[in-house]
Amino acid sequence: MNADGSLDNSFLASGAGANGPVFTLAVQSDGKILIGGDFTSFNGTSRNRFARLNSDGTLDTAFLSTGTGANDQVFAVALQSDGKVLIGGLFTTVNNATRNRLARLNTDGTLDTRVPRYCRGRELFCAGDSRPI
């Protein structure tokens, strides 16, 4: 949307977008957009249930360039002050590692292995010092 509320026709001007529903999004300070949902590709590129978009709506191919994504739906995305990303949902693996419903990603989309392995709920919040709550 433009500042005046009108549709921004330059956003996602080329490509089909996600091939399934997007349930959540978060905008980073650099304008990039993290999305989570029940999709397996974005603009024809494999992205299992979470992805990062550039500010113009194109896929940021540097994010999650080597991972497999989540094996089930992502309902929540939260940004931490250190740039890392928390995702929550119905998944049990992320990037081929066991992560029951909660995972933390590094800034490039790789898995951060230093977080709890189980969580319930559809919303995530972060404390100011980057601790998940």
N, C-alpha and C. Protein backbone atom coordinates (compact mmCIF):
# COMPACT_ATOMS: atom_id res chain seq x y z
N MET A 1 0.84 -1.17 0.00
CA MET A 1 0.00 0.00 0.00
C MET A 1 0.89 1.24 0.00
N ASN A 2 0.45 2.22 -0.72
CA ASN A 2 1.12 3.50 -0.69
C ASN A 2 0.69 4.26 0.56
N ALA A 3 1.41 5.32 0.89
CA ALA A 3 1.11 6.10 2.09
C ALA A 3 -0.31 6.66 2.07
N ASP A 4 -0.87 6.89 0.88
CA ASP A 4 -2.22 7.43 0.78
C ASP A 4 -3.31 6.35 0.81
N GLY A 5 -2.90 5.08 1.00
CA GLY A 5 -3.85 3.98 1.08
C GLY A 5 -4.15 3.31 -0.25
N SER A 6 -3.60 3.82 -1.32
CA SER A 6 -3.82 3.21 -2.64
C SER A 6 -2.91 2.00 -2.82
N LEU A 7 -3.28 1.13 -3.74
CA LEU A 7 -2.51 -0.08 -4.01
C LEU A 7 -1.18 0.26 -4.66
N ASP A 8 -0.10 -0.33 -4.15
CA ASP A 8 1.23 -0.16 -4.73
C ASP A 8 1.40 -1.19 -5.83
N ASN A 9 1.22 -0.77 -7.07
CA ASN A 9 1.29 -1.69 -8.21
C ASN A 9 2.71 -2.16 -8.52
N SER A 10 3.72 -1.54 -7.92
CA SER A 10 5.09 -1.98 -8.16
C SER A 10 5.48 -3.15 -7.26
N PHE A 11 4.72 -3.39 -6.17
CA PHE A 11 5.01 -4.48 -5.26
C PHE A 11 4.54 -5.79 -5.88
N LEU A 12 5.43 -6.76 -5.96
CA LEU A 12 5.12 -8.07 -6.54
C LEU A 12 4.57 -7.91 -7.96
N ALA A 13 5.19 -7.00 -8.72
CA ALA A 13 4.72 -6.71 -10.07
C ALA A 13 4.94 -7.88 -11.02
N SER A 14 5.93 -8.71 -10.74
CA SER A 14 6.14 -9.88 -11.59
C SER A 14 6.15 -11.13 -10.73
N GLY A 15 5.59 -12.20 -11.22
CA GLY A 15 5.55 -13.44 -10.49
C GLY A 15 4.21 -13.68 -9.85
N ALA A 16 4.03 -14.89 -9.40
CA ALA A 16 2.74 -15.32 -8.85
C ALA A 16 2.66 -15.18 -7.34
N GLY A 17 3.78 -14.94 -6.66
CA GLY A 17 3.78 -14.89 -5.20
C GLY A 17 3.80 -16.28 -4.61
N ALA A 18 3.21 -16.40 -3.42
CA ALA A 18 3.17 -17.69 -2.72
C ALA A 18 2.11 -18.58 -3.34
N ASN A 19 2.38 -19.89 -3.37
CA ASN A 19 1.42 -20.83 -3.95
C ASN A 19 0.45 -21.39 -2.91
N GLY A 20 0.38 -20.77 -1.76
CA GLY A 20 -0.55 -21.14 -0.69
C GLY A 20 -0.73 -19.96 0.22
N PRO A 21 -1.53 -20.11 1.28
CA PRO A 21 -1.83 -18.97 2.15
C PRO A 21 -0.62 -18.49 2.94
N VAL A 22 -0.55 -17.17 3.12
CA VAL A 22 0.41 -16.52 4.00
C VAL A 22 -0.36 -16.12 5.25
N PHE A 23 0.06 -16.62 6.41
CA PHE A 23 -0.65 -16.37 7.67
C PHE A 23 -0.05 -15.23 8.48
N THR A 24 1.24 -14.95 8.29
CA THR A 24 1.93 -13.99 9.13
C THR A 24 3.03 -13.30 8.35
N LEU A 25 3.38 -12.09 8.78
CA LEU A 25 4.50 -11.38 8.18
C LEU A 25 5.09 -10.43 9.19
N ALA A 26 6.34 -10.07 8.95
CA ALA A 26 7.03 -9.08 9.78
C ALA A 26 7.94 -8.29 8.86
N VAL A 27 8.01 -6.99 9.06
CA VAL A 27 8.85 -6.13 8.24
C VAL A 27 10.11 -5.79 9.03
N GLN A 28 11.26 -6.09 8.43
CA GLN A 28 12.54 -5.79 9.05
C GLN A 28 12.85 -4.30 8.91
N SER A 29 13.82 -3.81 9.67
CA SER A 29 14.18 -2.40 9.63
C SER A 29 14.73 -1.97 8.27
N ASP A 30 15.26 -2.93 7.49
CA ASP A 30 15.77 -2.61 6.15
C ASP A 30 14.69 -2.69 5.08
N GLY A 31 13.44 -2.91 5.49
CA GLY A 31 12.32 -2.97 4.55
C GLY A 31 12.03 -4.34 3.99
N LYS A 32 12.89 -5.33 4.27
CA LYS A 32 12.62 -6.69 3.81
C LYS A 32 11.48 -7.28 4.63
N ILE A 33 10.75 -8.22 4.04
CA ILE A 33 9.53 -8.73 4.62
C ILE A 33 9.64 -10.24 4.82
N LEU A 34 9.48 -10.70 6.03
CA LEU A 34 9.47 -12.13 6.34
C LEU A 34 8.02 -12.60 6.31
N ILE A 35 7.78 -13.72 5.63
CA ILE A 35 6.43 -14.28 5.55
C ILE A 35 6.44 -15.73 6.00
N GLY A 36 5.34 -16.15 6.59
CA GLY A 36 5.17 -17.54 6.99
C GLY A 36 3.75 -17.98 6.66
N GLY A 37 3.57 -19.27 6.40
CA GLY A 37 2.24 -19.75 6.05
C GLY A 37 2.24 -21.21 5.70
N ASP A 38 1.43 -21.54 4.68
CA ASP A 38 1.29 -22.92 4.23
C ASP A 38 1.55 -22.98 2.73
N PHE A 39 2.66 -22.43 2.30
CA PHE A 39 3.07 -22.44 0.89
C PHE A 39 4.35 -23.25 0.74
N THR A 40 4.62 -23.71 -0.47
CA THR A 40 5.84 -24.47 -0.73
C THR A 40 6.73 -23.81 -1.78
N SER A 41 6.25 -22.71 -2.36
CA SER A 41 7.09 -21.97 -3.29
C SER A 41 6.65 -20.52 -3.32
N PHE A 42 7.56 -19.66 -3.74
CA PHE A 42 7.27 -18.24 -3.95
C PHE A 42 7.84 -17.87 -5.31
N ASN A 43 6.98 -17.37 -6.18
CA ASN A 43 7.38 -17.05 -7.56
C ASN A 43 8.09 -18.22 -8.23
N GLY A 44 7.63 -19.44 -7.93
CA GLY A 44 8.16 -20.62 -8.57
C GLY A 44 9.44 -21.17 -7.95
N THR A 45 9.98 -20.51 -6.92
CA THR A 45 11.18 -20.98 -6.25
C THR A 45 10.77 -21.67 -4.95
N SER A 46 11.33 -22.84 -4.71
CA SER A 46 10.98 -23.62 -3.52
C SER A 46 11.29 -22.84 -2.24
N ARG A 47 10.27 -22.66 -1.42
CA ARG A 47 10.39 -22.03 -0.10
C ARG A 47 9.30 -22.63 0.77
N ASN A 48 9.68 -23.60 1.58
CA ASN A 48 8.70 -24.33 2.38
C ASN A 48 8.28 -23.58 3.63
N ARG A 49 7.18 -22.87 3.49
CA ARG A 49 6.40 -22.28 4.58
C ARG A 49 6.99 -21.04 5.23
N PHE A 50 8.20 -20.62 4.87
CA PHE A 50 8.65 -19.28 5.25
C PHE A 50 9.66 -18.79 4.22
N ALA A 51 9.70 -17.46 4.08
CA ALA A 51 10.57 -16.84 3.08
C ALA A 51 10.79 -15.39 3.48
N ARG A 52 11.75 -14.76 2.82
CA ARG A 52 11.96 -13.33 2.98
C ARG A 52 11.89 -12.67 1.62
N LEU A 53 11.18 -11.56 1.58
CA LEU A 53 11.00 -10.80 0.35
C LEU A 53 11.78 -9.50 0.43
N ASN A 54 12.23 -9.04 -0.72
CA ASN A 54 12.80 -7.71 -0.81
C ASN A 54 11.66 -6.70 -0.71
N SER A 55 11.98 -5.45 -0.53
CA SER A 55 10.94 -4.44 -0.33
C SER A 55 10.03 -4.27 -1.54
N ASP A 56 10.46 -4.75 -2.71
CA ASP A 56 9.61 -4.65 -3.91
C ASP A 56 8.74 -5.90 -4.13
N GLY A 57 8.82 -6.86 -3.19
CA GLY A 57 8.00 -8.06 -3.29
C GLY A 57 8.68 -9.22 -3.99
N THR A 58 9.89 -9.04 -4.47
CA THR A 58 10.63 -10.15 -5.07
C THR A 58 11.23 -11.01 -3.96
N LEU A 59 11.48 -12.26 -4.27
CA LEU A 59 12.06 -13.19 -3.30
C LEU A 59 13.51 -12.82 -3.01
N ASP A 60 13.87 -12.77 -1.74
CA ASP A 60 15.27 -12.58 -1.34
C ASP A 60 15.92 -13.96 -1.36
N THR A 61 16.64 -14.25 -2.42
CA THR A 61 17.20 -15.59 -2.61
C THR A 61 18.41 -15.86 -1.71
N ALA A 62 18.96 -14.83 -1.06
CA ALA A 62 20.06 -15.04 -0.12
C ALA A 62 19.57 -15.63 1.19
N PHE A 63 18.30 -15.43 1.52
CA PHE A 63 17.72 -15.95 2.76
C PHE A 63 17.22 -17.36 2.50
N LEU A 64 17.60 -18.29 3.37
CA LEU A 64 17.20 -19.70 3.24
C LEU A 64 17.69 -20.31 1.92
N SER A 65 18.87 -19.89 1.49
CA SER A 65 19.37 -20.38 0.20
C SER A 65 19.81 -21.83 0.26
N THR A 66 20.13 -22.35 1.44
CA THR A 66 20.57 -23.75 1.55
C THR A 66 19.65 -24.62 2.39
N GLY A 67 18.61 -24.05 2.99
CA GLY A 67 17.74 -24.82 3.87
C GLY A 67 16.53 -25.38 3.15
N THR A 68 15.83 -26.25 3.84
CA THR A 68 14.63 -26.88 3.28
C THR A 68 13.35 -26.24 3.78
N GLY A 69 13.44 -25.35 4.76
CA GLY A 69 12.25 -24.72 5.31
C GLY A 69 11.59 -25.59 6.36
N ALA A 70 10.31 -25.33 6.60
CA ALA A 70 9.55 -26.05 7.62
C ALA A 70 8.69 -27.13 6.98
N ASN A 71 8.45 -28.22 7.72
CA ASN A 71 7.67 -29.32 7.16
C ASN A 71 6.18 -29.18 7.40
N ASP A 72 5.74 -28.10 8.03
CA ASP A 72 4.31 -27.85 8.23
C ASP A 72 4.12 -26.35 8.41
N GLN A 73 2.90 -25.93 8.64
CA GLN A 73 2.52 -24.53 8.64
C GLN A 73 3.28 -23.67 9.65
N VAL A 74 3.55 -22.42 9.24
CA VAL A 74 4.13 -21.39 10.10
C VAL A 74 3.05 -20.35 10.35
N PHE A 75 2.71 -20.14 11.62
CA PHE A 75 1.66 -19.19 11.99
C PHE A 75 2.19 -17.89 12.56
N ALA A 76 3.44 -17.88 13.05
CA ALA A 76 3.95 -16.69 13.73
C ALA A 76 5.39 -16.43 13.32
N VAL A 77 5.71 -15.16 13.14
CA VAL A 77 7.07 -14.70 12.86
C VAL A 77 7.34 -13.53 13.78
N ALA A 78 8.49 -13.53 14.46
CA ALA A 78 8.86 -12.41 15.32
C ALA A 78 10.32 -12.06 15.07
N LEU A 79 10.60 -10.78 15.00
CA LEU A 79 11.96 -10.29 14.81
C LEU A 79 12.59 -10.00 16.15
N GLN A 80 13.85 -10.37 16.30
CA GLN A 80 14.58 -10.04 17.51
C GLN A 80 15.51 -8.86 17.22
N SER A 81 15.92 -8.16 18.25
CA SER A 81 16.74 -6.96 18.07
C SER A 81 18.11 -7.27 17.46
N ASP A 82 18.57 -8.52 17.58
CA ASP A 82 19.85 -8.90 16.99
C ASP A 82 19.72 -9.35 15.53
N GLY A 83 18.50 -9.22 14.96
CA GLY A 83 18.28 -9.59 13.56
C GLY A 83 17.84 -11.03 13.36
N LYS A 84 17.88 -11.82 14.40
CA LYS A 84 17.44 -13.21 14.27
C LYS A 84 15.92 -13.25 14.24
N VAL A 85 15.39 -14.38 13.76
CA VAL A 85 13.96 -14.51 13.51
C VAL A 85 13.43 -15.73 14.25
N LEU A 86 12.32 -15.56 14.96
CA LEU A 86 11.63 -16.67 15.59
C LEU A 86 10.43 -17.03 14.73
N ILE A 87 10.22 -18.32 14.53
CA ILE A 87 9.01 -18.78 13.84
C ILE A 87 8.31 -19.80 14.72
N GLY A 88 6.99 -19.79 14.66
CA GLY A 88 6.20 -20.75 15.42
C GLY A 88 5.09 -21.31 14.54
N GLY A 89 4.72 -22.55 14.78
CA GLY A 89 3.66 -23.15 13.98
C GLY A 89 3.47 -24.62 14.29
N LEU A 90 2.98 -25.35 13.31
CA LEU A 90 2.69 -26.77 13.47
C LEU A 90 3.85 -27.68 13.03
N PHE A 91 4.95 -27.11 12.61
CA PHE A 91 6.07 -27.89 12.09
C PHE A 91 6.77 -28.70 13.19
N THR A 92 7.45 -29.76 12.74
CA THR A 92 8.28 -30.55 13.65
C THR A 92 9.74 -30.59 13.19
N THR A 93 10.00 -30.13 11.97
CA THR A 93 11.38 -29.97 11.50
C THR A 93 11.52 -28.66 10.75
N VAL A 94 12.70 -28.07 10.86
CA VAL A 94 13.08 -26.87 10.11
C VAL A 94 14.48 -27.12 9.57
N ASN A 95 14.64 -26.94 8.29
CA ASN A 95 15.94 -27.19 7.64
C ASN A 95 16.49 -28.57 8.01
N ASN A 96 15.61 -29.56 8.01
CA ASN A 96 15.93 -30.97 8.29
C ASN A 96 16.37 -31.26 9.72
N ALA A 97 16.15 -30.33 10.65
CA ALA A 97 16.48 -30.57 12.05
C ALA A 97 15.19 -30.57 12.87
N THR A 98 15.13 -31.41 13.89
CA THR A 98 13.93 -31.46 14.73
C THR A 98 13.76 -30.14 15.47
N ARG A 99 12.60 -29.53 15.26
CA ARG A 99 12.22 -28.29 15.94
C ARG A 99 10.70 -28.33 16.09
N ASN A 100 10.24 -28.75 17.25
CA ASN A 100 8.81 -28.90 17.49
C ASN A 100 8.15 -27.56 17.78
N ARG A 101 7.60 -26.98 16.72
CA ARG A 101 6.73 -25.81 16.79
C ARG A 101 7.41 -24.49 17.06
N LEU A 102 8.69 -24.46 17.37
CA LEU A 102 9.42 -23.21 17.59
C LEU A 102 10.83 -23.36 17.05
N ALA A 103 11.27 -22.34 16.31
CA ALA A 103 12.64 -22.35 15.80
C ALA A 103 13.14 -20.92 15.75
N ARG A 104 14.43 -20.77 15.90
CA ARG A 104 15.06 -19.46 15.71
C ARG A 104 16.01 -19.58 14.54
N LEU A 105 15.95 -18.58 13.67
CA LEU A 105 16.77 -18.55 12.47
C LEU A 105 17.80 -17.45 12.57
N ASN A 106 18.96 -17.70 12.00
CA ASN A 106 19.96 -16.66 11.87
C ASN A 106 19.53 -15.69 10.78
N THR A 107 20.24 -14.61 10.63
CA THR A 107 19.85 -13.57 9.68
C THR A 107 19.83 -14.04 8.23
N ASP A 108 20.52 -15.14 7.93
CA ASP A 108 20.54 -15.68 6.56
C ASP A 108 19.54 -16.82 6.35
N GLY A 109 18.74 -17.13 7.37
CA GLY A 109 17.74 -18.19 7.25
C GLY A 109 18.22 -19.55 7.71
N THR A 110 19.49 -19.67 8.09
CA THR A 110 19.97 -20.94 8.64
C THR A 110 19.44 -21.08 10.06
N LEU A 111 19.39 -22.30 10.55
CA LEU A 111 18.84 -22.60 11.85
C LEU A 111 19.81 -22.21 12.96
N ASP A 112 19.33 -21.49 13.96
CA ASP A 112 20.09 -21.22 15.18
C ASP A 112 19.79 -22.37 16.12
N THR A 113 20.78 -23.10 16.52
CA THR A 113 20.59 -24.32 17.30
C THR A 113 20.48 -24.09 18.80
N ARG A 114 20.46 -22.83 19.25
CA ARG A 114 20.48 -22.55 20.68
C ARG A 114 19.13 -22.14 21.26
N VAL A 115 18.04 -22.74 20.83
CA VAL A 115 16.72 -22.37 21.35
C VAL A 115 15.95 -23.59 21.81
N PRO A 116 14.88 -23.40 22.59
CA PRO A 116 14.07 -24.54 23.03
C PRO A 116 13.54 -25.33 21.85
N ARG A 117 13.25 -26.59 22.08
CA ARG A 117 12.78 -27.46 21.00
C ARG A 117 11.29 -27.75 21.05
N TYR A 118 10.55 -27.10 21.93
CA TYR A 118 9.11 -27.32 21.97
C TYR A 118 8.40 -26.04 22.44
N CYS A 119 7.28 -25.77 21.84
CA CYS A 119 6.50 -24.59 22.20
C CYS A 119 5.06 -24.81 21.74
N ARG A 120 4.11 -24.16 22.38
CA ARG A 120 2.72 -24.15 21.94
C ARG A 120 2.31 -22.72 21.68
N GLY A 121 1.35 -22.55 20.82
CA GLY A 121 0.80 -21.22 20.61
C GLY A 121 1.01 -20.74 19.20
N ARG A 122 0.30 -19.65 18.87
CA ARG A 122 0.34 -19.08 17.54
C ARG A 122 0.97 -17.70 17.50
N GLU A 123 1.37 -17.15 18.65
CA GLU A 123 1.96 -15.82 18.67
C GLU A 123 3.30 -15.87 19.37
N LEU A 124 4.24 -15.09 18.86
CA LEU A 124 5.56 -14.99 19.46
C LEU A 124 5.85 -13.53 19.76
N PHE A 125 6.50 -13.28 20.87
CA PHE A 125 6.93 -11.94 21.22
C PHE A 125 8.38 -12.01 21.65
N CYS A 126 9.11 -10.94 21.49
CA CYS A 126 10.51 -10.93 21.86
C CYS A 126 10.77 -9.83 22.88
N ALA A 127 11.59 -10.15 23.88
CA ALA A 127 12.02 -9.14 24.84
C ALA A 127 13.03 -8.22 24.16
N GLY A 128 13.25 -7.07 24.70
CA GLY A 128 14.17 -6.09 24.11
C GLY A 128 15.60 -6.57 24.01
N ASP A 129 16.00 -7.56 24.81
CA ASP A 129 17.36 -8.06 24.77
C ASP A 129 17.48 -9.35 23.95
N SER A 130 16.54 -9.58 23.04
CA SER A 130 16.57 -10.70 22.08
C SER A 130 16.18 -12.05 22.68
N ARG A 131 15.69 -12.08 23.92
CA ARG A 131 15.26 -13.33 24.50
C ARG A 131 13.84 -13.62 24.05
N PRO A 132 13.56 -14.85 23.58
CA PRO A 132 12.17 -15.19 23.28
C PRO A 132 11.37 -15.28 24.57
N ILE A 133 10.13 -14.86 24.48
CA ILE A 133 9.23 -14.95 25.64
C ILE A 133 8.20 -16.01 25.35
